[in-house]
């Protein structure tokens, strides 16, 4: 397993557990998250908001691939919102890394229509 693949696996575990401290420890201090639902945000703000809206998450990794400066994770995400709505979708996250191996940019790709309906 490559170093970047290990970071991605730790990221998915922290995401599933809604573990703010663990997930933020994987990012650089100035990292950004590009989300189709929330737009572009600093990682700290994004995960604070996401975890406030999350009752629970289940993640099933399908495939992880990595290169020298990036990695991608394809996974199924079952997201239970605080309001009790359950959204299930497939997602691709694209990770770009700093020289020290931390995530400096994360681009999230998925169809937001089921989530937008649940949030309304």
N, C-alpha and C. Protein backbone atom coordinates (compact mmCIF):
# COMPACT_ATOMS: atom_id res chain seq x y z
N UNK A 1 0.86 -1.18 0.00
CA UNK A 1 0.00 0.00 0.00
C UNK A 1 0.90 1.24 0.00
N UNK A 2 0.60 2.18 -0.88
CA UNK A 2 1.39 3.40 -0.96
C UNK A 2 1.03 4.33 0.20
N UNK A 3 1.92 5.29 0.46
CA UNK A 3 1.68 6.27 1.51
C UNK A 3 0.38 7.01 1.27
N UNK A 4 0.14 7.48 0.04
CA UNK A 4 -1.08 8.23 -0.26
C UNK A 4 -2.32 7.36 -0.09
N UNK A 5 -2.23 6.10 -0.45
CA UNK A 5 -3.38 5.21 -0.26
C UNK A 5 -3.70 5.05 1.22
N UNK A 6 -2.67 4.99 2.04
CA UNK A 6 -2.88 4.91 3.49
C UNK A 6 -3.58 6.16 4.00
N UNK A 7 -3.18 7.33 3.53
CA UNK A 7 -3.82 8.59 3.93
C UNK A 7 -5.29 8.57 3.52
N UNK A 8 -5.57 8.11 2.31
CA UNK A 8 -6.95 8.06 1.83
C UNK A 8 -7.78 7.11 2.69
N UNK A 9 -7.24 5.97 3.04
CA UNK A 9 -7.97 5.01 3.89
C UNK A 9 -8.23 5.61 5.29
N UNK A 10 -7.25 6.32 5.83
CA UNK A 10 -7.46 6.98 7.12
C UNK A 10 -8.51 8.09 6.99
N UNK A 11 -8.50 8.79 5.86
CA UNK A 11 -9.49 9.83 5.59
C UNK A 11 -10.91 9.22 5.57
N UNK A 12 -11.09 8.13 4.82
CA UNK A 12 -12.41 7.51 4.71
C UNK A 12 -12.89 7.02 6.08
N UNK A 13 -12.00 6.48 6.89
CA UNK A 13 -12.36 6.03 8.23
C UNK A 13 -12.78 7.21 9.10
N UNK A 14 -12.03 8.31 9.06
CA UNK A 14 -12.37 9.50 9.84
C UNK A 14 -13.68 10.11 9.36
N UNK A 15 -13.92 10.07 8.05
CA UNK A 15 -15.18 10.57 7.49
C UNK A 15 -16.34 9.72 7.99
N UNK A 16 -16.19 8.42 7.95
CA UNK A 16 -17.24 7.52 8.41
C UNK A 16 -17.53 7.72 9.90
N UNK A 17 -16.49 7.98 10.67
CA UNK A 17 -16.64 8.15 12.12
C UNK A 17 -17.00 9.58 12.53
N UNK A 18 -17.07 10.50 11.56
CA UNK A 18 -17.27 11.94 11.85
C UNK A 18 -16.25 12.41 12.88
N UNK A 19 -15.00 12.00 12.69
CA UNK A 19 -13.91 12.32 13.61
C UNK A 19 -13.19 13.58 13.11
N UNK A 20 -13.64 14.72 13.61
CA UNK A 20 -13.11 16.01 13.14
C UNK A 20 -11.60 16.12 13.36
N UNK A 21 -11.13 15.80 14.54
CA UNK A 21 -9.68 15.95 14.82
C UNK A 21 -8.84 15.08 13.90
N UNK A 22 -9.26 13.85 13.72
CA UNK A 22 -8.49 12.94 12.87
C UNK A 22 -8.50 13.41 11.42
N UNK A 23 -9.66 13.80 10.92
CA UNK A 23 -9.73 14.19 9.51
C UNK A 23 -8.91 15.45 9.25
N UNK A 24 -8.99 16.43 10.15
CA UNK A 24 -8.25 17.68 9.96
C UNK A 24 -6.75 17.44 10.05
N UNK A 25 -6.33 16.46 10.82
CA UNK A 25 -4.90 16.17 10.94
C UNK A 25 -4.30 15.69 9.62
N UNK A 26 -5.13 15.25 8.69
CA UNK A 26 -4.66 14.76 7.39
C UNK A 26 -4.46 15.88 6.37
N UNK A 27 -4.94 17.09 6.69
CA UNK A 27 -4.90 18.23 5.76
C UNK A 27 -3.84 19.24 6.16
N UNK A 28 -3.35 19.99 5.17
CA UNK A 28 -2.50 21.14 5.45
C UNK A 28 -3.37 22.23 6.09
N UNK A 29 -2.75 23.18 6.75
CA UNK A 29 -3.49 24.24 7.42
C UNK A 29 -4.31 25.11 6.49
N UNK A 30 -3.88 25.23 5.23
CA UNK A 30 -4.58 26.08 4.26
C UNK A 30 -5.34 25.26 3.20
N UNK A 31 -5.59 24.00 3.49
CA UNK A 31 -6.24 23.11 2.52
C UNK A 31 -7.66 23.56 2.21
N UNK A 32 -8.09 23.26 0.98
CA UNK A 32 -9.46 23.57 0.57
C UNK A 32 -10.17 22.30 0.12
N UNK A 33 -11.48 22.34 0.29
CA UNK A 33 -12.35 21.26 -0.18
C UNK A 33 -13.28 21.88 -1.21
N UNK A 34 -13.38 21.23 -2.37
CA UNK A 34 -14.28 21.67 -3.44
C UNK A 34 -15.44 20.68 -3.49
N UNK A 35 -16.59 21.14 -3.02
CA UNK A 35 -17.75 20.27 -2.90
C UNK A 35 -18.86 20.72 -3.83
N UNK A 36 -19.54 19.77 -4.52
CA UNK A 36 -20.65 20.18 -5.38
C UNK A 36 -21.86 20.66 -4.59
N UNK A 37 -21.91 20.37 -3.30
CA UNK A 37 -23.03 20.78 -2.46
C UNK A 37 -22.75 22.09 -1.73
N UNK A 38 -21.54 22.25 -1.21
CA UNK A 38 -21.20 23.41 -0.38
C UNK A 38 -20.29 24.43 -1.07
N UNK A 39 -19.74 24.11 -2.23
CA UNK A 39 -18.81 25.02 -2.90
C UNK A 39 -17.40 24.83 -2.39
N UNK A 40 -16.56 25.85 -2.58
CA UNK A 40 -15.16 25.80 -2.16
C UNK A 40 -15.06 26.39 -0.75
N UNK A 41 -14.46 25.60 0.15
CA UNK A 41 -14.34 26.03 1.55
C UNK A 41 -13.00 25.56 2.10
N UNK A 42 -12.53 26.24 3.15
CA UNK A 42 -11.37 25.73 3.88
C UNK A 42 -11.78 24.40 4.52
N UNK A 43 -10.84 23.48 4.58
CA UNK A 43 -11.14 22.14 5.10
C UNK A 43 -11.74 22.19 6.50
N UNK A 44 -11.18 23.03 7.37
CA UNK A 44 -11.69 23.11 8.75
C UNK A 44 -13.15 23.51 8.76
N UNK A 45 -13.54 24.49 7.97
CA UNK A 45 -14.93 24.95 7.92
C UNK A 45 -15.84 23.89 7.31
N UNK A 46 -15.37 23.26 6.24
CA UNK A 46 -16.17 22.26 5.55
C UNK A 46 -16.54 21.11 6.49
N UNK A 47 -15.55 20.54 7.18
CA UNK A 47 -15.83 19.37 8.03
C UNK A 47 -16.60 19.76 9.28
N UNK A 48 -16.40 20.95 9.79
CA UNK A 48 -17.20 21.41 10.92
C UNK A 48 -18.67 21.42 10.51
N UNK A 49 -18.97 22.00 9.33
CA UNK A 49 -20.35 22.07 8.83
C UNK A 49 -20.89 20.68 8.51
N UNK A 50 -20.10 19.88 7.80
CA UNK A 50 -20.55 18.55 7.40
C UNK A 50 -20.90 17.70 8.61
N UNK A 51 -20.03 17.68 9.61
CA UNK A 51 -20.28 16.82 10.77
C UNK A 51 -21.43 17.33 11.62
N UNK A 52 -21.72 18.63 11.60
CA UNK A 52 -22.89 19.15 12.30
C UNK A 52 -24.18 18.66 11.65
N UNK A 53 -24.15 18.41 10.35
CA UNK A 53 -25.33 17.95 9.61
C UNK A 53 -25.42 16.44 9.52
N UNK A 54 -24.47 15.73 10.13
CA UNK A 54 -24.38 14.27 10.00
C UNK A 54 -24.79 13.57 11.30
N UNK A 55 -25.74 12.63 11.17
CA UNK A 55 -26.08 11.76 12.29
C UNK A 55 -25.19 10.53 12.27
N UNK A 56 -24.97 9.97 11.06
CA UNK A 56 -24.06 8.83 10.90
C UNK A 56 -23.69 8.67 9.44
N UNK A 57 -22.62 7.92 9.21
CA UNK A 57 -22.15 7.65 7.85
C UNK A 57 -21.68 6.20 7.77
N UNK A 58 -21.88 5.61 6.62
CA UNK A 58 -21.32 4.30 6.31
C UNK A 58 -20.63 4.45 4.96
N UNK A 59 -19.39 3.99 4.90
CA UNK A 59 -18.61 4.12 3.67
C UNK A 59 -18.11 2.75 3.25
N UNK A 60 -18.31 2.44 1.97
CA UNK A 60 -17.80 1.19 1.41
C UNK A 60 -16.86 1.54 0.27
N UNK A 61 -15.54 1.45 0.50
CA UNK A 61 -14.60 1.73 -0.58
C UNK A 61 -14.77 0.73 -1.73
N UNK A 62 -14.74 1.25 -2.93
CA UNK A 62 -14.82 0.41 -4.13
C UNK A 62 -13.44 0.28 -4.76
N UNK A 63 -12.76 1.44 -4.92
CA UNK A 63 -11.42 1.43 -5.52
C UNK A 63 -10.65 2.67 -5.09
N UNK A 64 -9.39 2.48 -4.79
CA UNK A 64 -8.49 3.59 -4.47
C UNK A 64 -7.29 3.47 -5.40
N UNK A 65 -6.93 4.56 -6.04
CA UNK A 65 -5.71 4.56 -6.85
C UNK A 65 -4.91 5.80 -6.49
N UNK A 66 -3.60 5.70 -6.63
CA UNK A 66 -2.76 6.84 -6.26
C UNK A 66 -1.60 6.98 -7.20
N UNK A 67 -1.13 8.22 -7.30
CA UNK A 67 0.03 8.57 -8.08
C UNK A 67 1.01 9.31 -7.20
N UNK A 68 1.94 10.01 -7.81
CA UNK A 68 2.97 10.71 -7.06
C UNK A 68 2.42 11.88 -6.26
N UNK A 69 1.51 12.64 -6.85
CA UNK A 69 1.00 13.86 -6.20
C UNK A 69 -0.50 13.83 -5.94
N UNK A 70 -1.17 12.74 -6.30
CA UNK A 70 -2.62 12.70 -6.15
C UNK A 70 -3.07 11.28 -5.83
N UNK A 71 -4.32 11.18 -5.42
CA UNK A 71 -4.98 9.88 -5.23
C UNK A 71 -6.46 10.09 -5.49
N UNK A 72 -7.16 9.01 -5.80
CA UNK A 72 -8.60 9.06 -6.00
C UNK A 72 -9.23 7.90 -5.24
N UNK A 73 -10.38 8.18 -4.65
CA UNK A 73 -11.15 7.15 -3.96
C UNK A 73 -12.54 7.11 -4.57
N UNK A 74 -12.96 5.92 -4.95
CA UNK A 74 -14.31 5.69 -5.45
C UNK A 74 -15.00 4.86 -4.38
N UNK A 75 -16.13 5.34 -3.86
CA UNK A 75 -16.77 4.66 -2.75
C UNK A 75 -18.28 4.90 -2.74
N UNK A 76 -18.98 4.00 -2.03
CA UNK A 76 -20.41 4.19 -1.77
C UNK A 76 -20.54 4.86 -0.42
N UNK A 77 -21.41 5.85 -0.36
CA UNK A 77 -21.57 6.64 0.85
C UNK A 77 -23.03 6.61 1.27
N UNK A 78 -23.28 6.11 2.47
CA UNK A 78 -24.62 6.16 3.06
C UNK A 78 -24.56 7.22 4.16
N UNK A 79 -25.22 8.33 3.92
CA UNK A 79 -25.13 9.49 4.80
C UNK A 79 -26.49 9.70 5.45
N UNK A 80 -26.54 9.58 6.78
CA UNK A 80 -27.75 9.87 7.52
C UNK A 80 -27.62 11.28 8.09
N UNK A 81 -28.54 12.14 7.66
CA UNK A 81 -28.51 13.53 8.09
C UNK A 81 -29.11 13.68 9.48
N UNK A 82 -28.82 14.80 10.12
CA UNK A 82 -29.37 15.09 11.45
C UNK A 82 -30.90 15.03 11.45
N UNK A 83 -31.53 15.37 10.32
CA UNK A 83 -33.00 15.34 10.27
C UNK A 83 -33.56 13.94 10.05
N UNK A 84 -32.68 12.93 10.00
CA UNK A 84 -33.11 11.54 9.85
C UNK A 84 -33.16 11.04 8.42
N UNK A 85 -33.03 11.92 7.45
CA UNK A 85 -33.02 11.51 6.04
C UNK A 85 -31.75 10.71 5.75
N UNK A 86 -31.91 9.69 4.92
CA UNK A 86 -30.77 8.86 4.52
C UNK A 86 -30.53 9.06 3.03
N UNK A 87 -29.30 9.39 2.68
CA UNK A 87 -28.91 9.58 1.28
C UNK A 87 -27.82 8.56 0.96
N UNK A 88 -28.01 7.83 -0.13
CA UNK A 88 -27.02 6.87 -0.58
C UNK A 88 -26.59 7.25 -1.98
N UNK A 89 -25.27 7.29 -2.19
CA UNK A 89 -24.76 7.65 -3.51
C UNK A 89 -23.33 7.15 -3.66
N UNK A 90 -22.89 7.08 -4.92
CA UNK A 90 -21.51 6.77 -5.23
C UNK A 90 -20.77 8.08 -5.37
N UNK A 91 -19.52 8.09 -4.94
CA UNK A 91 -18.74 9.32 -4.88
C UNK A 91 -17.31 9.05 -5.34
N UNK A 92 -16.71 10.05 -5.94
CA UNK A 92 -15.28 10.01 -6.26
C UNK A 92 -14.66 11.23 -5.60
N UNK A 93 -13.65 11.00 -4.78
CA UNK A 93 -12.88 12.08 -4.17
C UNK A 93 -11.50 12.08 -4.80
N UNK A 94 -11.07 13.27 -5.22
CA UNK A 94 -9.75 13.44 -5.81
C UNK A 94 -8.89 14.24 -4.82
N UNK A 95 -7.80 13.64 -4.37
CA UNK A 95 -6.91 14.22 -3.37
C UNK A 95 -5.64 14.72 -4.04
N UNK A 96 -5.25 15.94 -3.72
CA UNK A 96 -3.95 16.47 -4.14
C UNK A 96 -3.14 16.70 -2.86
N UNK A 97 -1.88 16.28 -2.90
CA UNK A 97 -1.06 16.27 -1.70
C UNK A 97 0.05 17.32 -1.73
N UNK A 98 0.42 17.78 -0.54
CA UNK A 98 1.57 18.66 -0.38
C UNK A 98 2.84 17.79 -0.39
N UNK A 99 3.98 18.44 -0.40
CA UNK A 99 5.25 17.71 -0.40
C UNK A 99 5.43 16.85 0.85
N UNK A 100 4.81 17.26 1.96
CA UNK A 100 4.95 16.49 3.20
C UNK A 100 3.87 15.40 3.34
N UNK A 101 3.06 15.18 2.29
CA UNK A 101 2.11 14.07 2.29
C UNK A 101 0.76 14.38 2.88
N UNK A 102 0.50 15.66 3.18
CA UNK A 102 -0.82 16.03 3.68
C UNK A 102 -1.71 16.43 2.50
N UNK A 103 -3.01 16.35 2.73
CA UNK A 103 -3.97 16.72 1.68
C UNK A 103 -4.01 18.25 1.60
N UNK A 104 -3.76 18.79 0.42
CA UNK A 104 -3.82 20.25 0.25
C UNK A 104 -5.07 20.68 -0.50
N UNK A 105 -5.67 19.73 -1.23
CA UNK A 105 -6.90 20.03 -1.96
C UNK A 105 -7.68 18.74 -2.16
N UNK A 106 -8.97 18.83 -1.92
CA UNK A 106 -9.86 17.69 -2.12
C UNK A 106 -11.02 18.13 -3.00
N UNK A 107 -11.22 17.44 -4.10
CA UNK A 107 -12.36 17.69 -4.97
C UNK A 107 -13.31 16.51 -4.85
N UNK A 108 -14.56 16.80 -4.49
CA UNK A 108 -15.57 15.78 -4.28
C UNK A 108 -16.51 15.79 -5.49
N UNK A 109 -16.79 14.61 -6.03
CA UNK A 109 -17.61 14.49 -7.23
C UNK A 109 -18.73 13.48 -6.98
N UNK A 110 -19.98 13.96 -7.04
CA UNK A 110 -21.14 13.07 -6.94
C UNK A 110 -22.39 13.83 -7.38
N UNK A 111 -23.45 13.07 -7.63
CA UNK A 111 -24.74 13.65 -8.00
C UNK A 111 -25.41 14.14 -6.72
N UNK A 112 -25.61 15.44 -6.60
CA UNK A 112 -26.14 16.01 -5.37
C UNK A 112 -27.67 16.01 -5.28
N UNK A 113 -28.37 15.61 -6.32
CA UNK A 113 -29.84 15.73 -6.31
C UNK A 113 -30.49 14.99 -5.14
N UNK A 114 -30.09 13.76 -4.81
CA UNK A 114 -30.74 13.10 -3.66
C UNK A 114 -30.47 13.85 -2.35
N UNK A 115 -29.30 14.40 -2.21
CA UNK A 115 -28.94 15.11 -0.98
C UNK A 115 -29.69 16.43 -0.89
N UNK A 116 -29.76 17.14 -1.99
CA UNK A 116 -30.47 18.43 -1.98
C UNK A 116 -31.95 18.22 -1.60
N UNK A 117 -32.56 17.18 -2.11
CA UNK A 117 -33.94 16.88 -1.75
C UNK A 117 -34.08 16.57 -0.26
N UNK A 118 -33.12 15.84 0.29
CA UNK A 118 -33.17 15.48 1.72
C UNK A 118 -32.93 16.68 2.62
N UNK A 119 -32.12 17.62 2.17
CA UNK A 119 -31.83 18.81 2.97
C UNK A 119 -32.98 19.80 2.97
N UNK A 120 -33.81 19.77 1.93
CA UNK A 120 -34.92 20.73 1.83
C UNK A 120 -36.08 20.41 2.74
